[in-house]
Amino acid sequence: MKFDENVFIHHVYFWLNNPTSETDCNQLIEGLKKLSSATTINHFHIGVPATTSREVIDTSYAVSWLLLFKNKEDQDFYQTDPVHLKFVEECKHLWSKVIVYDTIGI
């Protein structure tokens, strides 16, 4: 599937403060499900590490959050959307590290 060249992909990886806590992981996932109501999100996917094993695969994170936006402007709006800000406020105590990979089409 080819996406429109303006599509903006925002992929977030979360490491939990308590990596073995199923409760914390579920709380983060529930927070992301609520966050998916942000109006500028076109598509989203919540995931956990797959059971693949190759040298180049990093499975050290707990949860990933993949978002597709129509364009960069929609992603910029998302960053200040009250739904996003509420998610950060309510869930930031759960993670120890977050890494974001943003990409645009070529």
N, C-alpha and C. Protein backbone atom coordinates (compact mmCIF):
# COMPACT_ATOMS: atom_id res chain seq x y z
N MET A 1 0.84 -1.16 0.00
CA MET A 1 0.00 0.00 0.00
C MET A 1 0.89 1.23 0.00
N LYS A 2 0.65 2.13 -0.90
CA LYS A 2 1.40 3.38 -0.97
C LYS A 2 0.56 4.48 -0.35
N PHE A 3 1.17 5.26 0.52
CA PHE A 3 0.48 6.38 1.15
C PHE A 3 0.72 7.65 0.34
N ASP A 4 -0.17 8.59 0.48
CA ASP A 4 0.00 9.92 -0.10
C ASP A 4 1.35 10.48 0.37
N GLU A 5 2.05 11.18 -0.50
CA GLU A 5 3.39 11.67 -0.13
C GLU A 5 3.35 12.69 1.01
N ASN A 6 2.20 13.29 1.29
CA ASN A 6 2.10 14.25 2.39
C ASN A 6 1.86 13.60 3.74
N VAL A 7 1.56 12.28 3.74
CA VAL A 7 1.25 11.62 5.00
C VAL A 7 2.42 11.79 5.97
N PHE A 8 2.07 12.00 7.23
CA PHE A 8 3.06 12.18 8.30
C PHE A 8 2.91 11.00 9.24
N ILE A 9 3.98 10.23 9.42
CA ILE A 9 3.95 9.07 10.31
C ILE A 9 4.69 9.40 11.59
N HIS A 10 4.02 9.15 12.70
CA HIS A 10 4.53 9.45 14.03
C HIS A 10 4.53 8.13 14.80
N HIS A 11 5.73 7.59 15.10
CA HIS A 11 5.82 6.30 15.78
C HIS A 11 6.51 6.50 17.12
N VAL A 12 5.80 6.16 18.19
CA VAL A 12 6.26 6.39 19.55
C VAL A 12 6.49 5.05 20.24
N TYR A 13 7.63 4.92 20.90
CA TYR A 13 7.96 3.72 21.66
C TYR A 13 8.08 4.10 23.13
N PHE A 14 7.43 3.30 23.99
CA PHE A 14 7.40 3.55 25.43
C PHE A 14 8.12 2.43 26.18
N TRP A 15 8.96 2.83 27.12
CA TRP A 15 9.57 1.92 28.09
C TRP A 15 8.94 2.24 29.43
N LEU A 16 8.47 1.24 30.13
CA LEU A 16 7.79 1.45 31.41
C LEU A 16 8.77 1.55 32.57
N ASN A 17 8.38 2.35 33.57
CA ASN A 17 9.15 2.38 34.83
C ASN A 17 9.19 1.00 35.46
N ASN A 18 8.07 0.30 35.39
CA ASN A 18 7.96 -1.06 35.93
C ASN A 18 7.71 -2.02 34.77
N PRO A 19 8.76 -2.43 34.09
CA PRO A 19 8.59 -3.20 32.86
C PRO A 19 7.86 -4.53 33.01
N THR A 20 7.82 -5.09 34.20
CA THR A 20 7.14 -6.37 34.40
C THR A 20 5.70 -6.20 34.88
N SER A 21 5.26 -4.95 35.05
CA SER A 21 3.91 -4.70 35.56
C SER A 21 2.87 -4.77 34.45
N GLU A 22 2.06 -5.81 34.47
CA GLU A 22 0.97 -5.95 33.51
C GLU A 22 -0.06 -4.84 33.72
N THR A 23 -0.25 -4.44 34.96
CA THR A 23 -1.20 -3.37 35.28
C THR A 23 -0.76 -2.06 34.63
N ASP A 24 0.52 -1.71 34.76
CA ASP A 24 1.02 -0.47 34.16
C ASP A 24 0.93 -0.51 32.64
N CYS A 25 1.26 -1.65 32.06
CA CYS A 25 1.18 -1.80 30.61
C CYS A 25 -0.27 -1.62 30.15
N ASN A 26 -1.20 -2.26 30.83
CA ASN A 26 -2.61 -2.14 30.47
C ASN A 26 -3.12 -0.71 30.66
N GLN A 27 -2.65 -0.03 31.70
CA GLN A 27 -3.05 1.36 31.93
C GLN A 27 -2.56 2.25 30.79
N LEU A 28 -1.33 2.04 30.33
CA LEU A 28 -0.81 2.81 29.21
C LEU A 28 -1.62 2.52 27.94
N ILE A 29 -1.91 1.27 27.69
CA ILE A 29 -2.70 0.91 26.50
C ILE A 29 -4.09 1.55 26.56
N GLU A 30 -4.72 1.53 27.72
CA GLU A 30 -6.04 2.16 27.85
C GLU A 30 -5.94 3.67 27.62
N GLY A 31 -4.86 4.28 28.10
CA GLY A 31 -4.65 5.71 27.85
C GLY A 31 -4.50 5.99 26.37
N LEU A 32 -3.78 5.13 25.66
CA LEU A 32 -3.60 5.30 24.22
C LEU A 32 -4.92 5.12 23.47
N LYS A 33 -5.74 4.20 23.93
CA LYS A 33 -7.05 4.01 23.30
C LYS A 33 -7.88 5.28 23.42
N LYS A 34 -7.84 5.92 24.58
CA LYS A 34 -8.56 7.20 24.76
C LYS A 34 -7.95 8.27 23.86
N LEU A 35 -6.63 8.29 23.78
CA LEU A 35 -5.92 9.27 22.97
C LEU A 35 -6.27 9.13 21.49
N SER A 36 -6.64 7.95 21.07
CA SER A 36 -6.98 7.73 19.66
C SER A 36 -8.17 8.56 19.19
N SER A 37 -8.89 9.18 20.11
CA SER A 37 -10.03 10.04 19.75
C SER A 37 -9.59 11.42 19.27
N ALA A 38 -8.30 11.73 19.33
CA ALA A 38 -7.81 13.02 18.84
C ALA A 38 -8.23 13.18 17.38
N THR A 39 -8.77 14.32 17.05
CA THR A 39 -9.45 14.51 15.77
C THR A 39 -8.56 14.45 14.54
N THR A 40 -7.28 14.76 14.65
CA THR A 40 -6.44 14.80 13.45
C THR A 40 -5.76 13.47 13.14
N ILE A 41 -5.96 12.46 13.96
CA ILE A 41 -5.38 11.14 13.70
C ILE A 41 -6.19 10.45 12.60
N ASN A 42 -5.53 10.06 11.51
CA ASN A 42 -6.21 9.32 10.43
C ASN A 42 -6.29 7.83 10.75
N HIS A 43 -5.17 7.26 11.18
CA HIS A 43 -5.09 5.84 11.53
C HIS A 43 -4.13 5.70 12.70
N PHE A 44 -4.37 4.66 13.50
CA PHE A 44 -3.45 4.40 14.61
C PHE A 44 -3.32 2.90 14.82
N HIS A 45 -2.24 2.52 15.47
CA HIS A 45 -2.01 1.13 15.84
C HIS A 45 -1.28 1.12 17.17
N ILE A 46 -1.80 0.34 18.11
CA ILE A 46 -1.15 0.13 19.40
C ILE A 46 -0.56 -1.27 19.35
N GLY A 47 0.72 -1.40 19.69
CA GLY A 47 1.35 -2.71 19.61
C GLY A 47 2.31 -2.97 20.75
N VAL A 48 2.67 -4.22 20.87
CA VAL A 48 3.70 -4.66 21.81
C VAL A 48 4.73 -5.43 20.98
N PRO A 49 5.93 -5.64 21.51
CA PRO A 49 6.96 -6.31 20.73
C PRO A 49 6.50 -7.68 20.21
N ALA A 50 6.77 -7.93 18.96
CA ALA A 50 6.48 -9.24 18.36
C ALA A 50 7.51 -10.25 18.86
N THR A 51 7.19 -11.50 18.69
CA THR A 51 8.09 -12.55 19.15
C THR A 51 9.10 -12.94 18.06
N THR A 52 9.61 -11.93 17.38
CA THR A 52 10.65 -12.16 16.38
C THR A 52 12.01 -11.99 17.03
N SER A 53 12.99 -12.64 16.48
CA SER A 53 14.32 -12.58 17.08
C SER A 53 15.38 -12.57 15.99
N ARG A 54 15.88 -11.37 15.73
CA ARG A 54 17.02 -11.20 14.83
C ARG A 54 17.89 -10.11 15.43
N GLU A 55 19.12 -10.09 15.05
CA GLU A 55 20.08 -9.14 15.62
C GLU A 55 19.63 -7.69 15.50
N VAL A 56 18.93 -7.35 14.45
CA VAL A 56 18.55 -5.95 14.20
C VAL A 56 17.24 -5.54 14.87
N ILE A 57 16.57 -6.44 15.56
CA ILE A 57 15.26 -6.14 16.16
C ILE A 57 15.42 -5.75 17.62
N ASP A 58 14.83 -4.61 17.97
CA ASP A 58 14.83 -4.13 19.35
C ASP A 58 13.47 -4.45 19.96
N THR A 59 13.46 -5.30 20.94
CA THR A 59 12.21 -5.63 21.64
C THR A 59 12.25 -5.16 23.09
N SER A 60 13.07 -4.18 23.37
CA SER A 60 13.22 -3.72 24.75
C SER A 60 12.10 -2.79 25.21
N TYR A 61 11.32 -2.26 24.29
CA TYR A 61 10.22 -1.35 24.65
C TYR A 61 9.02 -2.17 25.12
N ALA A 62 8.06 -1.50 25.74
CA ALA A 62 6.86 -2.18 26.23
C ALA A 62 5.68 -2.04 25.28
N VAL A 63 5.47 -0.81 24.75
CA VAL A 63 4.31 -0.52 23.91
C VAL A 63 4.73 0.44 22.82
N SER A 64 4.17 0.25 21.62
CA SER A 64 4.40 1.21 20.55
C SER A 64 3.06 1.82 20.14
N TRP A 65 3.15 3.04 19.62
CA TRP A 65 1.96 3.82 19.22
C TRP A 65 2.28 4.42 17.87
N LEU A 66 1.65 3.87 16.83
CA LEU A 66 1.89 4.31 15.46
C LEU A 66 0.70 5.15 15.00
N LEU A 67 1.01 6.36 14.53
CA LEU A 67 -0.04 7.28 14.08
C LEU A 67 0.23 7.72 12.66
N LEU A 68 -0.83 7.83 11.89
CA LEU A 68 -0.75 8.40 10.55
C LEU A 68 -1.63 9.65 10.52
N PHE A 69 -1.01 10.74 10.09
CA PHE A 69 -1.70 12.02 9.94
C PHE A 69 -1.74 12.38 8.47
N LYS A 70 -2.72 13.14 8.08
CA LYS A 70 -2.86 13.59 6.70
C LYS A 70 -1.63 14.38 6.24
N ASN A 71 -1.05 15.17 7.18
CA ASN A 71 0.09 16.02 6.85
C ASN A 71 0.76 16.48 8.14
N LYS A 72 1.85 17.20 8.02
CA LYS A 72 2.60 17.67 9.18
C LYS A 72 1.77 18.64 10.02
N GLU A 73 0.96 19.45 9.38
CA GLU A 73 0.14 20.42 10.11
C GLU A 73 -0.84 19.72 11.06
N ASP A 74 -1.42 18.60 10.61
CA ASP A 74 -2.31 17.85 11.49
C ASP A 74 -1.55 17.27 12.68
N GLN A 75 -0.32 16.80 12.44
CA GLN A 75 0.50 16.28 13.53
C GLN A 75 0.88 17.40 14.49
N ASP A 76 1.19 18.57 13.97
CA ASP A 76 1.52 19.72 14.82
C ASP A 76 0.33 20.07 15.71
N PHE A 77 -0.87 20.05 15.14
CA PHE A 77 -2.07 20.34 15.94
C PHE A 77 -2.26 19.29 17.03
N TYR A 78 -2.03 18.04 16.69
CA TYR A 78 -2.15 16.93 17.64
C TYR A 78 -1.29 17.16 18.88
N GLN A 79 -0.09 17.70 18.69
CA GLN A 79 0.82 17.91 19.81
C GLN A 79 0.25 18.84 20.88
N THR A 80 -0.65 19.74 20.48
CA THR A 80 -1.25 20.67 21.44
C THR A 80 -2.73 20.37 21.69
N ASP A 81 -3.24 19.29 21.09
CA ASP A 81 -4.63 18.89 21.29
C ASP A 81 -4.85 18.57 22.78
N PRO A 82 -5.92 19.09 23.38
CA PRO A 82 -6.19 18.81 24.80
C PRO A 82 -6.27 17.31 25.12
N VAL A 83 -6.71 16.49 24.18
CA VAL A 83 -6.76 15.05 24.40
C VAL A 83 -5.34 14.49 24.57
N HIS A 84 -4.41 14.98 23.76
CA HIS A 84 -3.01 14.55 23.86
C HIS A 84 -2.38 15.04 25.17
N LEU A 85 -2.61 16.30 25.50
CA LEU A 85 -2.04 16.86 26.72
C LEU A 85 -2.58 16.14 27.96
N LYS A 86 -3.86 15.77 27.95
CA LYS A 86 -4.45 15.03 29.07
C LYS A 86 -3.81 13.64 29.18
N PHE A 87 -3.60 12.98 28.04
CA PHE A 87 -2.93 11.67 28.06
C PHE A 87 -1.56 11.76 28.72
N VAL A 88 -0.77 12.74 28.30
CA VAL A 88 0.58 12.89 28.85
C VAL A 88 0.49 13.11 30.36
N GLU A 89 -0.39 13.99 30.78
CA GLU A 89 -0.53 14.28 32.21
C GLU A 89 -0.94 13.05 33.00
N GLU A 90 -1.88 12.27 32.48
CA GLU A 90 -2.41 11.12 33.21
C GLU A 90 -1.49 9.89 33.16
N CYS A 91 -0.64 9.79 32.14
CA CYS A 91 0.13 8.55 31.95
C CYS A 91 1.64 8.71 32.07
N LYS A 92 2.15 9.93 32.16
CA LYS A 92 3.60 10.11 32.15
C LYS A 92 4.32 9.41 33.30
N HIS A 93 3.61 9.16 34.38
CA HIS A 93 4.23 8.46 35.52
C HIS A 93 4.53 6.99 35.20
N LEU A 94 3.95 6.48 34.11
CA LEU A 94 4.12 5.07 33.77
C LEU A 94 5.41 4.78 33.03
N TRP A 95 5.95 5.76 32.30
CA TRP A 95 7.11 5.47 31.46
C TRP A 95 8.40 6.07 32.00
N SER A 96 9.48 5.36 31.66
CA SER A 96 10.82 5.83 32.02
C SER A 96 11.52 6.44 30.82
N LYS A 97 11.06 6.07 29.63
CA LYS A 97 11.71 6.52 28.40
C LYS A 97 10.69 6.49 27.27
N VAL A 98 10.80 7.47 26.40
CA VAL A 98 9.97 7.53 25.20
C VAL A 98 10.88 7.92 24.05
N ILE A 99 10.76 7.22 22.94
CA ILE A 99 11.48 7.59 21.71
C ILE A 99 10.45 7.74 20.61
N VAL A 100 10.61 8.79 19.82
CA VAL A 100 9.69 9.07 18.72
C VAL A 100 10.46 9.07 17.41
N TYR A 101 9.87 8.42 16.41
CA TYR A 101 10.38 8.47 15.05
C TYR A 101 9.29 9.07 14.17
N ASP A 102 9.57 10.23 13.61
CA ASP A 102 8.65 10.90 12.69
C ASP A 102 9.19 10.76 11.28
N THR A 103 8.32 10.43 10.34
CA THR A 103 8.75 10.36 8.95
C THR A 103 7.73 11.04 8.05
N ILE A 104 8.25 11.54 6.92
CA ILE A 104 7.42 12.12 5.88
C ILE A 104 7.74 11.41 4.57
N GLY A 105 6.84 11.49 3.63
CA GLY A 105 7.03 10.82 2.36
C GLY A 105 8.10 11.47 1.50
N ILE A 106 8.58 10.71 0.54
CA ILE A 106 9.59 11.22 -0.39
C ILE A 106 9.02 11.23 -1.80
